[in-house]
Each structure stands twice: as structure tokens, then as C-alpha cells.
Amino acid sequence: MRSVIIAIAFVVVVGLAAAIIGPRACSRAQQTAAEAQAGSARSDAMADAAIGAAADTAAAMTTAAVTAATSKENEDAMRRAPGSTTAVPSTSNRAALGKLCMRPSTRDQPGCVALLGPRPGTAGR
């Protein structure tokens, strides 16, 4: 009889342990799976961002290369144009600089002030 009581007590203890530990183990497994899935989503997002950044950088570099090539072609064409080596008369140069110096963004530059004089109200600056 005593061994039957011990066997029943053992079954009850094992049953209680399984009832207490079992849900915790399942909950922990679910939490671990959710954390792994979130980590995977973060990794995918980071990879997508890196791919996008690389594509943007490549596009910018391509645009810069095309712009540089166009600028070089234009410069070469201007240097080969008839009359490109002829000196600009100083009167034409002065007139062009005078027009350029009339722009608000260049008006206060030292060269423009020397050419046109100070603007009214800015002589003390």
C-alpha cells in the first residue's frame, strides 16, 4: 500500500510539474520564435536599405560621369571654335564684368566694388 501511495504521489508531482513548466516552456518557445522573426525582418530591411543606397550611389556616379563628359566636350568645342584664341578687347571685358557685377550676388565682391565703386549705403562696411 505504501508503494501505491508513493507511486500516486510521484504521478501527482510529475503532473503538477508538467502543468506548471509546460506552458512556460511553450511561451518561451513562442517568444524566441517571435524574436527570431523580428530579427530576420530587421536583417531583410537593412539589406534592402544597403541595396538601395548602393543603387543610388551608382546612379549619382553615372550622372556625375555623364556631366563631366559633357563639360569636357563643351570645353573642347569652345577651344576649337574659330576665334577662340583671339584676345578679348579690354573694353568688352570691362563691359562684361560691369554687367556681371550688377547682379546682387556679386555686387559686393571686391573686384566689383573696385570696378563700380561701393553701393550707396555700403561704403562704411
Protein backbone atom coordinates (compact mmCIF):
# COMPACT_ATOMS: atom_id res chain seq x y z
CA MET A 1 0.00 0.00 0.00
CA ARG A 2 2.79 2.30 0.83
CA SER A 3 4.34 1.86 -2.64
CA VAL A 4 0.97 2.69 -4.24
CA ILE A 5 0.81 5.96 -2.27
CA ILE A 6 4.37 6.79 -3.29
CA ALA A 7 3.56 5.98 -6.92
CA ILE A 8 0.43 8.18 -6.81
CA ALA A 9 2.37 11.00 -5.11
CA PHE A 10 5.06 10.69 -7.77
CA VAL A 11 2.47 10.87 -10.57
CA VAL A 12 0.85 13.92 -8.92
CA VAL A 13 4.20 15.69 -8.52
CA VAL A 14 5.19 14.95 -12.13
CA GLY A 15 1.73 16.09 -13.30
CA LEU A 16 1.98 19.35 -11.34
CA ALA A 17 5.48 19.96 -12.63
CA ALA A 18 4.33 19.39 -16.20
CA ALA A 19 1.31 21.66 -15.68
CA ILE A 20 3.50 24.45 -14.29
CA ILE A 21 6.58 24.10 -16.51
CA GLY A 22 4.83 23.11 -19.77
CA PRO A 23 3.06 26.43 -20.51
CA ARG A 24 6.19 28.37 -19.58
CA ALA A 25 8.26 26.30 -21.99
CA CYS A 26 5.72 26.83 -24.79
CA SER A 27 5.52 30.55 -24.04
CA ARG A 28 9.29 30.82 -24.06
CA ALA A 29 9.49 28.94 -27.38
CA GLN A 30 6.87 31.26 -28.89
CA GLN A 31 8.75 34.32 -27.63
CA THR A 32 12.03 33.02 -29.03
CA ALA A 33 10.37 32.36 -32.40
CA ALA A 34 8.88 35.88 -32.46
CA GLU A 35 12.26 37.42 -31.61
CA ALA A 36 13.91 35.42 -34.39
CA GLN A 37 11.25 36.52 -36.87
CA ALA A 38 11.68 40.18 -35.85
CA GLY A 39 15.44 39.85 -36.19
CA SER A 40 15.02 38.35 -39.64
CA ALA A 41 12.73 41.21 -40.68
CA ARG A 42 15.29 43.75 -39.42
CA SER A 43 18.06 41.98 -41.35
CA ASP A 44 15.96 41.99 -44.52
CA ALA A 45 15.20 45.70 -44.10
CA MET A 46 18.87 46.51 -43.57
CA ALA A 47 19.84 44.52 -46.67
CA ASP A 48 17.16 46.30 -48.73
CA ALA A 49 18.41 49.68 -47.48
CA ALA A 50 22.01 48.79 -48.37
CA ILE A 51 20.97 47.69 -51.86
CA GLY A 52 19.01 50.93 -52.31
CA ALA A 53 21.94 53.03 -51.11
CA ALA A 54 24.32 51.24 -53.49
CA ALA A 55 21.92 51.80 -56.40
CA ASP A 56 21.54 55.49 -55.52
CA THR A 57 25.32 55.90 -55.30
CA ALA A 58 25.82 54.16 -58.64
CA ALA A 59 23.19 56.40 -60.26
CA ALA A 60 24.81 59.52 -58.83
CA MET A 61 28.24 58.41 -60.04
CA THR A 62 26.84 57.71 -63.51
CA THR A 63 25.23 61.14 -63.61
CA ALA A 64 28.46 62.78 -62.49
CA ALA A 65 30.42 60.92 -65.16
CA VAL A 66 27.96 61.98 -67.88
CA THR A 67 28.07 65.59 -66.66
CA ALA A 68 31.88 65.58 -66.63
CA ALA A 69 32.00 64.13 -70.15
CA THR A 70 29.53 66.74 -71.43
CA SER A 71 31.50 69.55 -69.78
CA LYS A 72 34.72 68.25 -71.34
CA GLU A 73 33.10 68.04 -74.78
CA ASN A 74 31.76 71.58 -74.45
CA GLU A 75 35.12 72.93 -73.30
CA ASP A 76 36.90 71.22 -76.18
CA ALA A 77 34.36 72.58 -78.68
CA MET A 78 34.79 76.13 -77.34
CA ARG A 79 38.58 75.86 -77.51
CA ARG A 80 38.42 74.59 -81.14
CA ALA A 81 35.88 77.20 -82.28
CA PRO A 82 37.09 79.85 -84.74
CA GLY A 83 38.33 82.93 -82.90
CA SER A 84 38.70 81.15 -79.56
CA THR A 85 42.34 82.20 -79.27
CA THR A 86 41.65 85.85 -80.11
CA ALA A 87 42.18 88.16 -77.15
CA VAL A 88 39.09 89.93 -75.80
CA PRO A 89 39.42 93.73 -76.05
CA SER A 90 39.66 95.35 -72.64
CA THR A 91 36.58 97.49 -73.30
CA SER A 92 34.49 94.38 -74.00
CA ASN A 93 35.93 92.66 -70.96
CA ARG A 94 35.13 95.67 -68.76
CA ALA A 95 31.58 95.86 -70.12
CA ALA A 96 31.00 92.15 -69.47
CA LEU A 97 32.37 92.41 -65.94
CA GLY A 98 30.23 95.50 -65.36
CA LYS A 99 27.08 93.56 -66.30
CA LEU A 100 28.14 90.64 -64.15
CA CYS A 101 28.79 92.97 -61.21
CA MET A 102 25.26 94.35 -61.41
CA ARG A 103 23.92 91.05 -60.03
CA PRO A 104 23.06 91.26 -56.31
CA SER A 105 25.06 88.10 -55.61
CA THR A 106 28.31 89.58 -56.96
CA ARG A 107 27.78 93.31 -56.33
CA ASP A 108 29.72 93.38 -53.05
CA GLN A 109 32.67 91.28 -54.30
CA PRO A 110 35.99 93.18 -54.04
CA GLY A 111 36.57 93.13 -57.81
CA CYS A 112 33.10 94.53 -58.48
CA VAL A 113 33.45 97.22 -55.82
CA ALA A 114 36.77 98.22 -57.42
CA LEU A 115 35.14 98.33 -60.86
CA LEU A 116 31.85 100.05 -59.99
CA GLY A 117 32.51 101.65 -56.64
CA PRO A 118 30.62 100.86 -53.42
CA ARG A 119 26.83 100.70 -53.41
CA PRO A 120 25.10 103.61 -51.73
CA GLY A 121 24.74 102.86 -48.05
CA THR A 122 27.52 100.23 -48.01
CA ALA A 123 30.57 102.49 -48.16
CA GLY A 124 31.31 102.05 -44.44
CA ARG A 125 31.22 98.25 -44.48
